[in-house]
């Protein structure tokens, strides 16, 4: 059958599916929807916005609890990838995410947003998700996981969305150049950061961050000190740095429970902000200091250090961890019986909880 015949038949089946949906004939409509997909697959039709919108429309009309919907979205994403082996076209992921957001299926919506390029839409959804379903104490964790995961899929040299952010009321925990007269403005949060972190970020590595305001000095321990002025794991895992920055910036600006920053009251948000800057610098020293200084916050979710292991490999040249050929409880038992020698390497001064192997 020619491409023209396929297109005509596909349009007829699409119109028929919409008609069945309008009369709540779910089974018949789902059957025609699957035939639409079959036509796309057999005709080798090129991925186009109008076709993606049609597929998303059919998906939105299906019963959310029907098994046909699961099969449909799986085949639709596979077709939209164009045989590249990827997880589906970003545009289709975005359209699916919006539909699921409207249905308040936040967890699945989040998954599809992470595979789209719509960072702003993802952030707005996360704000609603956190406000309606989460605890106030978890507002930072909603965006942190999204940002971290986004870093783990191609490295792209894109301008950093946070590179020109103004940092207010930032004071190091100890600074010899500060005469003690610094005071935060009324109602503003105060963030204290270890000297080693400031040294690592602005002195040792000279990250491409511009802090606006008087006494602007990069590579110095004092960054406009008197007065001091100058999620998140998901997009990074997908190597989508631009979307990760947009998600973080939009989420922190729009969430009603987050005070204006940076710096933020929540240490985990400060960690994500620093991490986004550090990824652009690509310096292992900065990444190492960040992970060490923010371990108390990172221990809130056991997955964070796993994400950071992968981020270290992708962006900072950290070698992969050496894993045993045996896994789980059996693997631990066999390793202990055979003596892998790992215990000997961690004597006197080495912490077992280090998130990244640097050597």
C-alpha atoms as a PDB file:
ATOM      1  CA  UNK A   1       0.000   0.000   0.000  1.00  0.00           C
ATOM      2  CA  UNK A   2       1.332   3.454  -0.926  1.00  0.00           C
ATOM      3  CA  UNK A   3       2.030   6.201   1.597  1.00  0.00           C
ATOM      4  CA  UNK A   4      -1.015   8.119   0.383  1.00  0.00           C
ATOM      5  CA  UNK A   5      -3.308   5.127   0.909  1.00  0.00           C
ATOM      6  CA  UNK A   6      -1.858   4.576   4.378  1.00  0.00           C
ATOM      7  CA  UNK A   7      -2.468   8.221   5.254  1.00  0.00           C
ATOM      8  CA  UNK A   8      -6.088   8.060   4.072  1.00  0.00           C
ATOM      9  CA  UNK A   9      -6.784   4.851   5.964  1.00  0.00           C
ATOM     10  CA  UNK A  10      -5.063   6.233   9.066  1.00  0.00           C
ATOM     11  CA  UNK A  11      -7.163   9.402   8.989  1.00  0.00           C
ATOM     12  CA  UNK A  12     -10.334   7.349   8.653  1.00  0.00           C
ATOM     13  CA  UNK A  13      -9.383   5.117  11.591  1.00  0.00           C
ATOM     14  CA  UNK A  14      -8.411   8.137  13.694  1.00  0.00           C
ATOM     15  CA  UNK A  15     -11.770   9.827  13.046  1.00  0.00           C
ATOM     16  CA  UNK A  16     -13.577   6.582  13.835  1.00  0.00           C
ATOM     17  CA  UNK A  17     -11.704   6.217  17.114  1.00  0.00           C
ATOM     18  CA  UNK A  18     -12.661   9.746  18.144  1.00  0.00           C
ATOM     19  CA  UNK A  19     -16.303   8.973  17.313  1.00  0.00           C
ATOM     20  CA  UNK A  20     -16.265   5.814  19.432  1.00  0.00           C
ATOM     21  CA  UNK A  21     -14.614   7.679  22.313  1.00  0.00           C
ATOM     22  CA  UNK A  22     -17.314  10.354  22.143  1.00  0.00           C
ATOM     23  CA  UNK A  23     -19.925   7.611  22.677  1.00  0.00           C
ATOM     24  CA  UNK A  24     -17.892   5.956  25.448  1.00  0.00           C
ATOM     25  CA  UNK A  25     -17.213   2.866  23.376  1.00  0.00           C
ATOM     26  CA  UNK A  26     -13.785   2.315  24.898  1.00  0.00           C
ATOM     27  CA  UNK A  27     -13.020  -1.139  23.503  1.00  0.00           C
ATOM     28  CA  UNK A  28     -13.861  -0.288  19.906  1.00  0.00           C
ATOM     29  CA  UNK A  29     -12.042   3.031  20.166  1.00  0.00           C
ATOM     30  CA  UNK A  30      -8.956   1.345  21.601  1.00  0.00           C
ATOM     31  CA  UNK A  31      -8.951  -1.211  18.769  1.00  0.00           C
ATOM     32  CA  UNK A  32      -9.012   1.538  16.155  1.00  0.00           C
ATOM     33  CA  UNK A  33      -6.287   3.427  18.037  1.00  0.00           C
ATOM     34  CA  UNK A  34      -4.048   0.380  17.841  1.00  0.00           C
ATOM     35  CA  UNK A  35      -4.763   0.130  14.106  1.00  0.00           C
ATOM     36  CA  UNK A  36      -3.658   3.745  13.719  1.00  0.00           C
ATOM     37  CA  UNK A  37      -0.350   2.778  15.310  1.00  0.00           C
ATOM     38  CA  UNK A  38      -0.056  -0.296  13.134  1.00  0.00           C
ATOM     39  CA  UNK A  39      -0.504   1.857  10.061  1.00  0.00           C
ATOM     40  CA  UNK A  40       2.292   4.160  11.217  1.00  0.00           C
ATOM     41  CA  UNK A  41       4.593   1.220  11.817  1.00  0.00           C
ATOM     42  CA  UNK A  42       3.953  -0.532   8.504  1.00  0.00           C
ATOM     43  CA  UNK A  43       4.069   2.593   6.352  1.00  0.00           C
ATOM     44  CA  UNK A  44       7.380   3.781   7.807  1.00  0.00           C
ATOM     45  CA  UNK A  45       5.785   7.178   8.291  1.00  0.00           C
ATOM     46  CA  UNK A  46       8.160   9.891   9.426  1.00  0.00           C
ATOM     47  CA  UNK A  47       7.652  11.317  12.888  1.00  0.00           C
ATOM     48  CA  UNK A  48       5.811  14.642  12.675  1.00  0.00           C
ATOM     49  CA  UNK A  49       4.193  16.940  15.211  1.00  0.00           C
ATOM     50  CA  UNK A  50       0.678  16.387  13.877  1.00  0.00           C
ATOM     51  CA  UNK A  51       1.032  12.606  14.168  1.00  0.00           C
ATOM     52  CA  UNK A  52       2.415  12.894  17.695  1.00  0.00           C
ATOM     53  CA  UNK A  53      -0.489  15.153  18.669  1.00  0.00           C
ATOM     54  CA  UNK A  54      -2.978  12.644  17.262  1.00  0.00           C
ATOM     55  CA  UNK A  55      -1.425   9.834  19.265  1.00  0.00           C
ATOM     56  CA  UNK A  56      -1.442  11.950  22.407  1.00  0.00           C
ATOM     57  CA  UNK A  57      -5.108  12.805  21.789  1.00  0.00           C
ATOM     58  CA  UNK A  58      -6.048   9.127  21.552  1.00  0.00           C
ATOM     59  CA  UNK A  59      -4.067   8.420  24.711  1.00  0.00           C
ATOM     60  CA  UNK A  60      -5.873  11.169  26.602  1.00  0.00           C
ATOM     61  CA  UNK A  61      -9.289   9.715  25.720  1.00  0.00           C
ATOM     62  CA  UNK A  62      -8.493   6.157  26.798  1.00  0.00           C
ATOM     63  CA  UNK A  63      -9.593   4.829  30.161  1.00  0.00           C
ATOM     64  CA  UNK A  64      -6.625   5.473  32.492  1.00  0.00           C
ATOM     65  CA  UNK A  65      -7.060   2.020  34.034  1.00  0.00           C
ATOM     66  CA  UNK A  66      -7.351   0.032  30.819  1.00  0.00           C
ATOM     67  CA  UNK A  67      -4.578  -2.386  29.782  1.00  0.00           C
ATOM     68  CA  UNK A  68      -5.022  -1.184  26.207  1.00  0.00           C
ATOM     69  CA  UNK A  69      -3.704   2.208  27.237  1.00  0.00           C
ATOM     70  CA  UNK A  70      -0.470   0.715  28.536  1.00  0.00           C
ATOM     71  CA  UNK A  71       0.069  -1.248  25.329  1.00  0.00           C
ATOM     72  CA  UNK A  72      -0.796   1.783  23.225  1.00  0.00           C
ATOM     73  CA  UNK A  73       1.652   4.160  24.892  1.00  0.00           C
ATOM     74  CA  UNK A  74       4.427   1.580  24.776  1.00  0.00           C
ATOM     75  CA  UNK A  75       4.081   1.077  21.033  1.00  0.00           C
ATOM     76  CA  UNK A  76       3.597   4.791  20.393  1.00  0.00           C
ATOM     77  CA  UNK A  77       6.838   5.678  22.168  1.00  0.00           C
ATOM     78  CA  UNK A  78       8.705   2.928  20.333  1.00  0.00           C
ATOM     79  CA  UNK A  79       7.455   4.186  16.972  1.00  0.00           C
ATOM     80  CA  UNK A  80       8.255   7.814  17.820  1.00  0.00           C
ATOM     81  CA  UNK A  81      11.864   6.905  18.562  1.00  0.00           C
ATOM     82  CA  UNK A  82      12.309   6.147  14.843  1.00  0.00           C
ATOM     83  CA  UNK A  83      14.204   2.944  15.498  1.00  0.00           C
ATOM     84  CA  UNK A  84      16.967   4.795  17.325  1.00  0.00           C
ATOM     85  CA  UNK A  85      16.574   2.709  20.437  1.00  0.00           C
ATOM     86  CA  UNK A  86      15.837   5.794  22.506  1.00  0.00           C
ATOM     87  CA  UNK A  87      12.972   6.081  24.969  1.00  0.00           C
ATOM     88  CA  UNK A  88      10.637   7.953  22.639  1.00  0.00           C
ATOM     89  CA  UNK A  89      10.302  11.375  21.054  1.00  0.00           C
ATOM     90  CA  UNK A  90      10.603  14.275  23.570  1.00  0.00           C
ATOM     91  CA  UNK A  91       7.512  15.967  22.086  1.00  0.00           C
ATOM     92  CA  UNK A  92       5.389  12.863  22.647  1.00  0.00           C
ATOM     93  CA  UNK A  93       6.722  12.531  26.180  1.00  0.00           C
ATOM     94  CA  UNK A  94       5.730  16.143  26.826  1.00  0.00           C
ATOM     95  CA  UNK A  95       2.186  15.634  25.528  1.00  0.00           C
ATOM     96  CA  UNK A  96       1.771  12.452  27.566  1.00  0.00           C
ATOM     97  CA  UNK A  97       3.097  14.205  30.667  1.00  0.00           C
ATOM     98  CA  UNK A  98       0.557  17.013  30.330  1.00  0.00           C
ATOM     99  CA  UNK A  99      -2.306  14.538  30.005  1.00  0.00           C
ATOM    100  CA  UNK A 100      -1.186  12.593  33.069  1.00  0.00           C
ATOM    101  CA  UNK A 101      -0.729  15.860  34.985  1.00  0.00           C
ATOM    102  CA  UNK A 102      -4.332  16.807  34.268  1.00  0.00           C
ATOM    103  CA  UNK A 103      -5.361  13.387  35.582  1.00  0.00           C
ATOM    104  CA  UNK A 104      -3.285  14.097  38.718  1.00  0.00           C
ATOM    105  CA  UNK A 105      -1.163  11.042  37.990  1.00  0.00           C
ATOM    106  CA  UNK A 106       1.908  12.953  39.120  1.00  0.00           C
ATOM    107  CA  UNK A 107       4.396  10.104  39.329  1.00  0.00           C
ATOM    108  CA  UNK A 108       3.900   8.980  35.721  1.00  0.00           C
ATOM    109  CA  UNK A 109       3.673  12.580  34.550  1.00  0.00           C
ATOM    110  CA  UNK A 110       7.033  13.214  36.170  1.00  0.00           C
ATOM    111  CA  UNK A 111       8.571  10.263  34.309  1.00  0.00           C
ATOM    112  CA  UNK A 112       7.471  11.605  30.921  1.00  0.00           C
ATOM    113  CA  UNK A 113       8.482  15.184  31.737  1.00  0.00           C
ATOM    114  CA  UNK A 114      11.982  13.899  32.546  1.00  0.00           C
ATOM    115  CA  UNK A 115      12.216  12.463  29.022  1.00  0.00           C
ATOM    116  CA  UNK A 116      10.924  15.635  27.388  1.00  0.00           C
ATOM    117  CA  UNK A 117      12.622  19.019  27.070  1.00  0.00           C
ATOM    118  CA  UNK A 118       9.888  20.899  28.922  1.00  0.00           C
ATOM    119  CA  UNK A 119      11.714  21.906  32.083  1.00  0.00           C
ATOM    120  CA  UNK A 120       9.265  24.668  32.941  1.00  0.00           C
ATOM    121  CA  UNK A 121       6.256  22.374  32.615  1.00  0.00           C
ATOM    122  CA  UNK A 122       7.971  19.775  34.777  1.00  0.00           C
ATOM    123  CA  UNK A 123       8.692  22.356  37.470  1.00  0.00           C
ATOM    124  CA  UNK A 124       5.105  23.612  37.515  1.00  0.00           C
ATOM    125  CA  UNK A 125       3.834  20.049  37.831  1.00  0.00           C
ATOM    126  CA  UNK A 126       6.260  19.348  40.679  1.00  0.00           C
ATOM    127  CA  UNK A 127       5.117  22.467  42.515  1.00  0.00           C
ATOM    128  CA  UNK A 128       1.527  21.237  42.343  1.00  0.00           C
ATOM    129  CA  UNK A 129       2.577  17.689  43.247  1.00  0.00           C
ATOM    130  CA  UNK A 130       4.556  18.837  46.279  1.00  0.00           C
ATOM    131  CA  UNK A 131       1.884  21.275  47.458  1.00  0.00           C
ATOM    132  CA  UNK A 132      -0.982  18.802  47.193  1.00  0.00           C
ATOM    133  CA  UNK A 133       0.631  15.461  48.087  1.00  0.00           C
ATOM    134  CA  UNK A 134       3.908  16.137  49.899  1.00  0.00           C
ATOM    135  CA  UNK A 135       4.982  17.270  53.343  1.00  0.00           C
ATOM    136  CA  UNK A 136       6.335  20.755  53.811  1.00  0.00           C
ATOM    137  CA  UNK A 137       9.638  19.256  54.977  1.00  0.00           C
ATOM    138  CA  UNK A 138      10.008  17.484  51.602  1.00  0.00           C
ATOM    139  CA  UNK A 139       9.721  20.466  49.259  1.00  0.00           C
ATOM    140  CA  UNK A 140      13.428  20.242  48.440  1.00  0.00           C
ATOM    141  CA  UNK A 141      13.361  16.503  47.750  1.00  0.00           C
ATOM    142  CA  UNK A 142      10.768  16.763  44.972  1.00  0.00           C
ATOM    143  CA  UNK A 143      13.023  18.890  42.781  1.00  0.00           C
ATOM    144  CA  UNK A 144      16.308  17.295  43.887  1.00  0.00           C
ATOM    145  CA  UNK A 145      15.436  13.875  42.517  1.00  0.00           C
ATOM    146  CA  UNK A 146      14.184  15.316  39.227  1.00  0.00           C
ATOM    147  CA  UNK A 147      17.333  17.373  38.709  1.00  0.00           C
ATOM    148  CA  UNK A 148      19.693  14.537  39.578  1.00  0.00           C
ATOM    149  CA  UNK A 149      17.989  12.033  37.310  1.00  0.00           C
ATOM    150  CA  UNK A 150      18.050  14.448  34.395  1.00  0.00           C
ATOM    151  CA  UNK A 151      21.851  14.465  34.350  1.00  0.00           C
ATOM    152  CA  UNK A 152      22.111  10.752  33.656  1.00  0.00           C
ATOM    153  CA  UNK A 153      21.114  10.346  29.844  1.00  0.00           C
ATOM    154  CA  UNK A 154      24.297  13.324  25.787  1.00  0.00           C
ATOM    155  CA  UNK A 155      26.646  15.720  27.248  1.00  0.00           C
ATOM    156  CA  UNK A 156      25.887  19.061  25.711  1.00  0.00           C
ATOM    157  CA  UNK A 157      27.912  22.228  26.030  1.00  0.00           C
ATOM    158  CA  UNK A 158      25.056  24.581  26.687  1.00  0.00           C
ATOM    159  CA  UNK A 159      25.050  27.912  28.507  1.00  0.00           C
ATOM    160  CA  UNK A 160      24.190  27.487  32.151  1.00  0.00           C
ATOM    161  CA  UNK A 161      20.857  28.931  33.204  1.00  0.00           C
ATOM    162  CA  UNK A 162      22.219  29.844  36.644  1.00  0.00           C
ATOM    163  CA  UNK A 163      25.476  31.446  35.552  1.00  0.00           C
ATOM    164  CA  UNK A 164      24.375  35.024  36.188  1.00  0.00           C
ATOM    165  CA  UNK A 165      22.196  34.572  39.258  1.00  0.00           C
ATOM    166  CA  UNK A 166      22.539  37.148  42.013  1.00  0.00           C
ATOM    167  CA  UNK A 167      23.491  35.622  45.339  1.00  0.00           C
ATOM    168  CA  UNK A 168      22.348  37.544  48.378  1.00  0.00           C
ATOM    169  CA  UNK A 169      23.258  37.224  52.062  1.00  0.00           C
ATOM    170  CA  UNK A 170      25.931  34.583  51.527  1.00  0.00           C
ATOM    171  CA  UNK A 171      28.488  34.382  54.295  1.00  0.00           C
ATOM    172  CA  UNK A 172      31.278  31.842  54.810  1.00  0.00           C
ATOM    173  CA  UNK A 173      31.411  30.119  58.172  1.00  0.00           C
ATOM    174  CA  UNK A 174      34.804  31.683  58.783  1.00  0.00           C
ATOM    175  CA  UNK A 175      36.423  34.474  56.770  1.00  0.00           C
ATOM    176  CA  UNK A 176      39.444  36.443  57.918  1.00  0.00           C
ATOM    177  CA  UNK A 177      38.573  39.315  55.594  1.00  0.00           C
ATOM    178  CA  UNK A 178      35.190  39.831  57.224  1.00  0.00           C
ATOM    179  CA  UNK A 179      35.226  42.389  60.023  1.00  0.00           C
ATOM    180  CA  UNK A 180      32.101  40.973  61.636  1.00  0.00           C
ATOM    181  CA  UNK A 181      29.836  43.838  60.604  1.00  0.00           C
ATOM    182  CA  UNK A 182      27.904  41.778  58.057  1.00  0.00           C
ATOM    183  CA  UNK A 183      24.218  41.321  58.804  1.00  0.00           C
ATOM    184  CA  UNK A 184      21.523  39.732  56.650  1.00  0.00           C
ATOM    185  CA  UNK A 185      18.701  41.920  55.461  1.00  0.00           C
ATOM    186  CA  UNK A 186      15.535  41.591  57.491  1.00  0.00           C
ATOM    187  CA  UNK A 187      13.495  38.509  56.673  1.00  0.00           C
ATOM    188  CA  UNK A 188      16.205  36.903  54.558  1.00  0.00           C
ATOM    189  CA  UNK A 189      17.647  33.459  55.203  1.00  0.00           C
ATOM    190  CA  UNK A 190      21.278  33.168  56.215  1.00  0.00           C
ATOM    191  CA  UNK A 191      23.348  30.397  54.700  1.00  0.00           C
ATOM    192  CA  UNK A 192      26.635  29.321  56.252  1.00  0.00           C
ATOM    193  CA  UNK A 193      28.973  27.362  54.033  1.00  0.00           C
ATOM    194  CA  UNK A 194      32.300  25.736  54.986  1.00  0.00           C
ATOM    195  CA  UNK A 195      35.419  27.597  53.856  1.00  0.00           C
ATOM    196  CA  UNK A 196      36.603  24.526  51.964  1.00  0.00           C
ATOM    197  CA  UNK A 197      33.492  24.680  49.797  1.00  0.00           C
ATOM    198  CA  UNK A 198      33.940  28.340  48.923  1.00  0.00           C
ATOM    199  CA  UNK A 199      37.613  27.728  48.203  1.00  0.00           C
ATOM    200  CA  UNK A 200      36.764  24.770  46.010  1.00  0.00           C
ATOM    201  CA  UNK A 201      34.088  26.600  44.062  1.00  0.00           C
ATOM    202  CA  UNK A 202      35.539  30.024  43.522  1.00  0.00           C
ATOM    203  CA  UNK A 203      39.249  29.876  44.269  1.00  0.00           C
ATOM    204  CA  UNK A 204      40.506  26.464  43.162  1.00  0.00           C
ATOM    205  CA  UNK A 205      38.240  25.839  40.230  1.00  0.00           C
ATOM    206  CA  UNK A 206      37.013  29.283  39.114  1.00  0.00           C
ATOM    207  CA  UNK A 207      33.599  28.113  37.992  1.00  0.00           C
ATOM    208  CA  UNK A 208      31.873  30.179  35.270  1.00  0.00           C
ATOM    209  CA  UNK A 209      29.595  31.946  37.727  1.00  0.00           C
ATOM    210  CA  UNK A 210      29.222  35.726  37.860  1.00  0.00           C
ATOM    211  CA  UNK A 211      28.126  37.128  41.192  1.00  0.00           C
ATOM    212  CA  UNK A 212      26.704  40.608  40.704  1.00  0.00           C
ATOM    213  CA  UNK A 213      27.054  43.435  43.171  1.00  0.00           C
ATOM    214  CA  UNK A 214      29.886  45.493  44.707  1.00  0.00           C
ATOM    215  CA  UNK A 215      33.285  43.948  45.467  1.00  0.00           C
ATOM    216  CA  UNK A 216      32.717  41.258  42.890  1.00  0.00           C
ATOM    217  CA  UNK A 217      35.787  39.010  43.072  1.00  0.00           C
ATOM    218  CA  UNK A 218      36.161  35.530  41.644  1.00  0.00           C
ATOM    219  CA  UNK A 219      38.916  33.322  42.977  1.00  0.00           C
ATOM    220  CA  UNK A 220      38.900  34.963  46.386  1.00  0.00           C
ATOM    221  CA  UNK A 221      37.730  33.805  49.788  1.00  0.00           C
ATOM    222  CA  UNK A 222      35.705  36.954  50.179  1.00  0.00           C
ATOM    223  CA  UNK A 223      32.905  37.285  47.641  1.00  0.00           C
ATOM    224  CA  UNK A 224      31.305  40.609  48.523  1.00  0.00           C
ATOM    225  CA  UNK A 225      31.284  39.629  52.189  1.00  0.00           C
ATOM    226  CA  UNK A 226      30.322  42.888  53.932  1.00  0.00           C
ATOM    227  CA  UNK A 227      27.493  42.895  53.111  1.00  0.00           C
ATOM    228  CA  UNK A 228      27.769  39.485  51.430  1.00  0.00           C
ATOM    229  CA  UNK A 229      26.181  39.380  47.997  1.00  0.00           C
ATOM    230  CA  UNK A 230      27.063  37.719  44.915  1.00  0.00           C
ATOM    231  CA  UNK A 231      15.260  18.959  41.839  1.00  0.00           C
ATOM    232  CA  UNK A 232      17.453  18.243  39.826  1.00  0.00           C
ATOM    233  CA  UNK A 233      18.876  14.710  40.129  1.00  0.00           C
ATOM    234  CA  UNK A 234      16.602  12.868  37.075  1.00  0.00           C
ATOM    235  CA  UNK A 235      17.433  15.583  34.441  1.00  0.00           C
ATOM    236  CA  UNK A 236      21.165  15.327  35.189  1.00  0.00           C
ATOM    237  CA  UNK A 237      21.039  11.552  34.927  1.00  0.00           C
ATOM    238  CA  UNK A 238      19.604  11.976  31.436  1.00  0.00           C
ATOM    239  CA  UNK A 239      22.389  14.468  30.661  1.00  0.00           C
ATOM    240  CA  UNK A 240      19.819  17.201  30.094  1.00  0.00           C
ATOM    241  CA  UNK A 241      21.635  20.076  31.778  1.00  0.00           C
ATOM    242  CA  UNK A 242      19.539  22.874  30.315  1.00  0.00           C
ATOM    243  CA  UNK A 243      16.232  21.349  31.402  1.00  0.00           C
ATOM    244  CA  UNK A 244      17.702  20.565  34.822  1.00  0.00           C
ATOM    245  CA  UNK A 245      18.570  24.223  35.322  1.00  0.00           C
ATOM    246  CA  UNK A 246      15.144  25.373  34.147  1.00  0.00           C
ATOM    247  CA  UNK A 247      13.386  22.911  36.448  1.00  0.00           C
ATOM    248  CA  UNK A 248      15.424  24.012  39.458  1.00  0.00           C
ATOM    249  CA  UNK A 249      15.075  27.740  38.811  1.00  0.00           C
ATOM    250  CA  UNK A 250      11.341  27.617  38.051  1.00  0.00           C
ATOM    251  CA  UNK A 251      10.529  25.300  40.962  1.00  0.00           C
ATOM    252  CA  UNK A 252      12.408  27.353  43.553  1.00  0.00           C
ATOM    253  CA  UNK A 253      10.893  30.598  42.270  1.00  0.00           C
ATOM    254  CA  UNK A 254       7.299  29.376  42.175  1.00  0.00           C
ATOM    255  CA  UNK A 255       6.991  27.055  45.157  1.00  0.00           C
ATOM    256  CA  UNK A 256       5.087  28.874  47.925  1.00  0.00           C
ATOM    257  CA  UNK A 257       7.068  27.159  50.691  1.00  0.00           C
ATOM    258  CA  UNK A 258      10.532  28.100  49.382  1.00  0.00           C
ATOM    259  CA  UNK A 259      11.974  31.465  50.326  1.00  0.00           C
ATOM    260  CA  UNK A 260      13.727  33.412  47.618  1.00  0.00           C
ATOM    261  CA  UNK A 261      17.270  32.272  46.940  1.00  0.00           C
ATOM    262  CA  UNK A 262      19.994  31.356  46.424  1.00  0.00           C
ATOM    263  CA  UNK A 263      21.069  30.833  49.124  1.00  0.00           C
ATOM    264  CA  UNK A 264      18.146  28.746  50.386  1.00  0.00           C
ATOM    265  CA  UNK A 265      17.102  27.740  53.863  1.00  0.00           C
ATOM    266  CA  UNK A 266      17.127  24.088  52.775  1.00  0.00           C
ATOM    267  CA  UNK A 267      20.716  22.745  52.465  1.00  0.00           C
ATOM    268  CA  UNK A 268      19.674  20.244  49.793  1.00  0.00           C
ATOM    269  CA  UNK A 269      18.593  23.085  47.498  1.00  0.00           C
ATOM    270  CA  UNK A 270      21.949  24.795  48.020  1.00  0.00           C
ATOM    271  CA  UNK A 271      23.656  21.518  47.099  1.00  0.00           C
ATOM    272  CA  UNK A 272      21.682  21.230  43.853  1.00  0.00           C
ATOM    273  CA  UNK A 273      22.458  24.853  42.985  1.00  0.00           C
ATOM    274  CA  UNK A 274      26.185  24.283  43.545  1.00  0.00           C
ATOM    275  CA  UNK A 275      26.049  21.006  41.609  1.00  0.00           C
ATOM    276  CA  UNK A 276      24.548  22.677  38.545  1.00  0.00           C
ATOM    277  CA  UNK A 277      27.422  25.161  38.600  1.00  0.00           C
ATOM    278  CA  UNK A 278      30.014  22.460  39.247  1.00  0.00           C
ATOM    279  CA  UNK A 279      28.906  20.363  36.276  1.00  0.00           C
ATOM    280  CA  UNK A 280      29.730  23.244  33.964  1.00  0.00           C
ATOM    281  CA  UNK A 281      33.195  23.528  35.521  1.00  0.00           C
ATOM    282  CA  UNK A 282      33.817  19.805  35.239  1.00  0.00           C
ATOM    283  CA  UNK A 283      36.336  19.828  38.109  1.00  0.00           C
ATOM    284  CA  UNK A 284      36.486  16.724  40.273  1.00  0.00           C
ATOM    285  CA  UNK A 285      37.735  18.700  43.292  1.00  0.00           C
ATOM    286  CA  UNK A 286      34.567  20.758  43.429  1.00  0.00           C
ATOM    287  CA  UNK A 287      32.334  17.742  42.999  1.00  0.00           C
ATOM    288  CA  UNK A 288      34.179  15.857  45.744  1.00  0.00           C
ATOM    289  CA  UNK A 289      33.923  18.720  48.235  1.00  0.00           C
ATOM    290  CA  UNK A 290      30.229  19.149  47.519  1.00  0.00           C
ATOM    291  CA  UNK A 291      29.468  15.490  48.122  1.00  0.00           C
ATOM    292  CA  UNK A 292      31.481  15.450  51.331  1.00  0.00           C
ATOM    293  CA  UNK A 293      30.068  18.636  52.831  1.00  0.00           C
ATOM    294  CA  UNK A 294      26.436  17.827  52.087  1.00  0.00           C
ATOM    295  CA  UNK A 295      26.385  14.178  53.175  1.00  0.00           C
ATOM    296  CA  UNK A 296      23.842  14.825  55.980  1.00  0.00           C
ATOM    297  CA  UNK A 297      21.371  16.110  53.385  1.00  0.00           C
ATOM    298  CA  UNK A 298      22.224  13.445  50.815  1.00  0.00           C
ATOM    299  CA  UNK A 299      21.575  10.659  53.313  1.00  0.00           C
ATOM    300  CA  UNK A 300      17.892  11.601  53.392  1.00  0.00           C
ATOM    301  CA  UNK A 301      17.380   9.465  50.285  1.00  0.00           C
ATOM    302  CA  UNK A 302      19.592   6.418  49.655  1.00  0.00           C
ATOM    303  CA  UNK A 303      19.242   6.909  45.892  1.00  0.00           C
ATOM    304  CA  UNK A 304      21.038  10.273  45.906  1.00  0.00           C
ATOM    305  CA  UNK A 305      24.519   8.813  46.253  1.00  0.00           C
ATOM    306  CA  UNK A 306      23.780   6.309  43.494  1.00  0.00           C
ATOM    307  CA  UNK A 307      22.786   9.156  41.192  1.00  0.00           C
ATOM    308  CA  UNK A 308      25.913  11.062  42.182  1.00  0.00           C
ATOM    309  CA  UNK A 309      28.109   8.035  41.453  1.00  0.00           C
ATOM    310  CA  UNK A 310      26.808   8.058  37.898  1.00  0.00           C
ATOM    311  CA  UNK A 311      27.064  11.857  37.574  1.00  0.00           C
ATOM    312  CA  UNK A 312      30.674  11.638  38.732  1.00  0.00           C
ATOM    313  CA  UNK A 313      31.408   9.133  35.980  1.00  0.00           C
ATOM    314  CA  UNK A 314      29.658  11.144  33.255  1.00  0.00           C
ATOM    315  CA  UNK A 315      30.862  14.649  34.029  1.00  0.00           C
ATOM    316  CA  UNK A 316      33.944  14.410  36.248  1.00  0.00           C
ATOM    317  CA  UNK A 317      35.815  11.368  34.970  1.00  0.00           C
ATOM    318  CA  UNK A 318      35.297   9.242  38.081  1.00  0.00           C
ATOM    319  CA  UNK A 319      35.962   5.565  37.245  1.00  0.00           C
ATOM    320  CA  UNK A 320      33.033   3.170  37.695  1.00  0.00           C
ATOM    321  CA  UNK A 321      32.816   1.359  40.984  1.00  0.00           C
ATOM    322  CA  UNK A 322      34.223  -2.149  40.975  1.00  0.00           C
ATOM    323  CA  UNK A 323      31.267  -4.392  41.648  1.00  0.00           C
ATOM    324  CA  UNK A 324      31.357  -8.007  42.678  1.00  0.00           C
ATOM    325  CA  UNK A 325      30.316 -10.659  40.194  1.00  0.00           C
ATOM    326  CA  UNK A 326      27.884 -11.829  42.857  1.00  0.00           C
ATOM    327  CA  UNK A 327      25.014  -9.662  43.964  1.00  0.00           C
ATOM    328  CA  UNK A 328      22.723  -9.246  46.932  1.00  0.00           C
ATOM    329  CA  UNK A 329      22.915 -11.109  50.215  1.00  0.00           C
ATOM    330  CA  UNK A 330      24.521 -14.178  48.609  1.00  0.00           C
ATOM    331  CA  UNK A 331      27.195 -11.997  47.054  1.00  0.00           C
ATOM    332  CA  UNK A 332      28.013 -10.337  50.373  1.00  0.00           C
ATOM    333  CA  UNK A 333      28.270 -13.722  52.057  1.00  0.00           C
ATOM    334  CA  UNK A 334      30.552 -15.175  49.352  1.00  0.00           C
ATOM    335  CA  UNK A 335      32.732 -12.078  49.362  1.00  0.00           C
ATOM    336  CA  UNK A 336      33.161 -12.283  53.117  1.00  0.00           C
ATOM    337  CA  UNK A 337      34.065 -15.994  52.931  1.00  0.00           C
ATOM    338  CA  UNK A 338      36.513 -15.587  50.070  1.00  0.00           C
ATOM    339  CA  UNK A 339      38.002 -12.374  51.439  1.00  0.00           C
ATOM    340  CA  UNK A 340      37.920  -9.699  48.759  1.00  0.00           C
ATOM    341  CA  UNK A 341      40.373  -7.529  50.624  1.00  0.00           C
ATOM    342  CA  UNK A 342      38.048  -4.558  50.601  1.00  0.00           C
ATOM    343  CA  UNK A 343      38.105  -4.284  54.385  1.00  0.00           C
ATOM    344  CA  UNK A 344      41.894  -3.919  54.378  1.00  0.00           C
ATOM    345  CA  UNK A 345      41.645  -0.900  52.111  1.00  0.00           C
ATOM    346  CA  UNK A 346      39.414   1.044  54.470  1.00  0.00           C
ATOM    347  CA  UNK A 347      41.538   1.035  57.621  1.00  0.00           C
ATOM    348  CA  UNK A 348      42.369   4.130  59.672  1.00  0.00           C
ATOM    349  CA  UNK A 349      41.022   7.291  58.147  1.00  0.00           C
ATOM    350  CA  UNK A 350      38.868   6.073  55.313  1.00  0.00           C
ATOM    351  CA  UNK A 351      35.122   6.490  55.592  1.00  0.00           C
ATOM    352  CA  UNK A 352      32.949   3.587  54.440  1.00  0.00           C
ATOM    353  CA  UNK A 353      30.151   5.968  53.495  1.00  0.00           C
ATOM    354  CA  UNK A 354      32.114   7.846  50.821  1.00  0.00           C
ATOM    355  CA  UNK A 355      29.679   8.332  47.918  1.00  0.00           C
ATOM    356  CA  UNK A 356      32.321   8.224  45.208  1.00  0.00           C
ATOM    357  CA  UNK A 357      35.554   6.351  44.720  1.00  0.00           C
ATOM    358  CA  UNK A 358      38.022   8.973  43.592  1.00  0.00           C
ATOM    359  CA  UNK A 359      41.108   6.810  43.002  1.00  0.00           C
END
